[in-house]
C-alpha cells in the first residue's frame, strides 16, 4: 500500500493518488515522506516538489503552502503549483529578468523581499522545466 497524496490549490485539485515517496521543500530543507510517516504539519517553501510512483518521477514547481501528514494520507495546500510539463518557460524567463532588473536598481521604494521571492519562483520554474538554455530575448519579447 502506498502513500495517499492530495495536492490542492485555492482553485483546483491538482493531484489525488498513491505514490511511493514524496519530497517537499520546507523552510528546514527537503522532507521525504514515505508510507507510515509520523503525523506532521509544515509550511512549504518555494521549490521543487516531486514524487515517485513505481519508476515514474513527477515534478512540480511549488510556490509555498501547507503540508499535513495524517496516517498514510498527505494533504498539500499549495499557493501555486505547476507540473513540469505545464511550465511556460518563456513566461518564467521574463519573470526572472524583471525580478533581476528590480533587484539591480535598488530603488528605495523597492520591496526587496517581494522581488527576491519573485526571482526564487522564476528560478524554480526554470529549474524544474530543466531548460539549460534560456529562451532568446526575441522569444521573451513576444
Protein backbone atom coordinates (compact mmCIF):
# COMPACT_ATOMS: atom_id res chain seq x y z
CA UNK A 1 0.00 0.00 0.00
CA UNK A 2 1.35 3.40 -1.00
CA UNK A 3 1.12 6.88 0.40
CA UNK A 4 -2.10 8.71 -0.50
CA UNK A 5 -1.39 12.26 -1.69
CA UNK A 6 -3.83 15.10 -2.32
CA UNK A 7 -2.45 18.29 -3.88
CA UNK A 8 -4.84 21.23 -3.91
CA UNK A 9 -4.73 24.93 -4.77
CA UNK A 10 -7.38 27.52 -3.94
CA UNK A 11 -8.92 26.91 -7.38
CA UNK A 12 -8.44 23.23 -8.24
CA UNK A 13 -7.43 19.71 -7.30
CA UNK A 14 -4.02 19.15 -8.90
CA UNK A 15 -3.42 15.51 -7.97
CA UNK A 16 -5.02 12.73 -5.98
CA UNK A 17 -3.47 9.29 -5.89
CA UNK A 18 -0.99 6.90 -4.34
CA UNK A 19 2.77 7.38 -4.55
CA UNK A 20 5.79 5.51 -3.23
CA UNK A 21 7.69 8.57 -1.95
CA UNK A 22 7.05 12.30 -1.82
CA UNK A 23 9.68 15.05 -1.46
CA UNK A 24 8.55 18.51 -0.38
CA UNK A 25 10.58 21.73 0.06
CA UNK A 26 10.17 23.16 3.57
CA UNK A 27 11.84 26.06 5.41
CA UNK A 28 14.16 23.48 7.04
CA UNK A 29 15.10 21.72 3.80
CA UNK A 30 13.56 18.93 1.78
CA UNK A 31 11.32 16.49 3.57
CA UNK A 32 10.98 12.94 2.27
CA UNK A 33 7.71 11.25 3.13
CA UNK A 34 7.13 7.51 2.88
CA UNK A 35 4.12 5.39 3.85
CA UNK A 36 3.65 5.16 7.65
CA UNK A 37 5.23 8.60 8.19
CA UNK A 38 4.54 10.18 11.56
CA UNK A 39 1.83 12.92 11.70
CA UNK A 40 3.20 16.28 10.69
CA UNK A 41 2.23 19.86 9.89
CA UNK A 42 4.72 22.05 7.99
CA UNK A 43 4.97 25.12 5.84
CA UNK A 44 6.07 24.56 2.25
CA UNK A 45 8.77 26.72 0.69
CA UNK A 46 9.30 27.77 -2.90
CA UNK A 47 11.00 24.86 -4.61
CA UNK A 48 10.78 21.57 -6.44
CA UNK A 49 8.17 19.11 -5.20
CA UNK A 50 8.32 15.62 -6.63
CA UNK A 51 7.05 12.11 -6.12
CA UNK A 52 7.84 8.65 -7.40
CA UNK A 53 5.22 6.13 -8.35
CA UNK A 54 6.85 2.86 -9.37
CA UNK A 55 9.52 4.03 -11.84
CA UNK A 56 7.82 7.31 -12.80
CA UNK A 57 9.10 10.61 -11.40
CA UNK A 58 6.62 13.52 -11.45
CA UNK A 59 7.96 17.01 -10.73
CA UNK A 60 6.30 20.30 -9.85
CA UNK A 61 7.40 23.86 -9.16
CA UNK A 62 5.62 24.95 -5.97
CA UNK A 63 5.38 28.48 -4.59
CA UNK A 64 4.62 27.80 -0.96
CA UNK A 65 1.77 26.37 1.03
CA UNK A 66 1.00 24.00 3.86
CA UNK A 67 1.65 20.26 4.26
CA UNK A 68 -0.19 17.91 6.59
CA UNK A 69 0.57 14.22 7.06
CA UNK A 70 -2.01 12.01 8.73
CA UNK A 71 -1.74 8.21 8.88
CA UNK A 72 -0.66 7.47 5.28
CA UNK A 73 -2.52 10.47 3.82
CA UNK A 74 -0.77 13.69 2.80
CA UNK A 75 -2.55 16.94 2.04
CA UNK A 76 -0.70 19.71 0.25
CA UNK A 77 -2.46 23.05 0.12
CA UNK A 78 -0.38 24.98 -2.40
CA UNK A 79 -0.44 28.69 -3.10
CA UNK A 80 0.59 27.92 -6.69
CA UNK A 81 1.94 24.76 -8.28
CA UNK A 82 2.81 23.73 -11.84
CA UNK A 83 3.70 20.30 -13.15
CA UNK A 84 6.96 20.21 -15.10
CA UNK A 85 5.22 19.84 -18.47
CA UNK A 86 2.87 22.78 -17.73
CA UNK A 87 5.57 25.40 -17.13
CA UNK A 88 5.70 28.26 -19.61
CA UNK A 89 9.47 28.68 -19.88
CA UNK A 90 9.29 31.99 -21.72
CA UNK A 91 7.00 33.49 -19.08
CA UNK A 92 9.28 32.19 -16.32
CA UNK A 93 12.35 33.67 -18.03
CA UNK A 94 10.57 37.02 -18.39
CA UNK A 95 9.67 36.98 -14.68
CA UNK A 96 13.29 36.16 -13.82
CA UNK A 97 14.54 39.05 -15.94
CA UNK A 98 12.05 41.51 -14.36
CA UNK A 99 12.98 40.44 -10.82
CA UNK A 100 16.71 40.69 -11.53
CA UNK A 101 16.24 44.18 -13.00
CA UNK A 102 14.24 45.30 -9.95
CA UNK A 103 16.89 43.98 -7.59
CA UNK A 104 19.78 45.53 -9.53
CA UNK A 105 18.28 49.05 -9.49
CA UNK A 106 17.82 49.20 -5.69
CA UNK A 107 15.06 51.79 -5.72
CA UNK A 108 14.32 52.98 -2.15
CA UNK A 109 10.64 52.09 -2.69
CA UNK A 110 11.54 48.54 -3.75
CA UNK A 111 10.10 45.72 -1.67
CA UNK A 112 13.30 43.64 -1.69
CA UNK A 113 11.73 40.57 -0.07
CA UNK A 114 8.96 40.50 -2.65
CA UNK A 115 11.43 40.89 -5.55
CA UNK A 116 13.66 38.13 -4.14
CA UNK A 117 10.63 35.86 -3.78
CA UNK A 118 9.61 36.54 -7.39
CA UNK A 119 13.14 35.69 -8.50
CA UNK A 120 13.12 32.45 -6.47
CA UNK A 121 9.78 31.42 -8.03
CA UNK A 122 11.06 32.10 -11.56
CA UNK A 123 14.34 30.26 -10.96
CA UNK A 124 12.49 27.27 -9.53
CA UNK A 125 10.13 27.14 -12.51
CA UNK A 126 13.10 27.24 -14.91
CA UNK A 127 14.98 24.60 -12.90
CA UNK A 128 12.01 22.24 -12.84
CA UNK A 129 11.45 22.73 -16.56
CA UNK A 130 15.13 21.68 -16.96
CA UNK A 131 15.89 24.19 -19.64
CA UNK A 132 19.66 24.51 -19.95
CA UNK A 133 19.36 27.36 -22.42
CA UNK A 134 17.06 30.23 -21.60
CA UNK A 135 14.85 31.50 -24.43
CA UNK A 136 16.28 34.25 -26.59
CA UNK A 137 15.29 37.86 -25.98
CA UNK A 138 13.23 37.79 -29.19
CA UNK A 139 11.17 34.88 -27.85
CA UNK A 140 10.73 36.64 -24.50
CA UNK A 141 9.50 39.85 -26.13
CA UNK A 142 6.68 38.09 -28.00
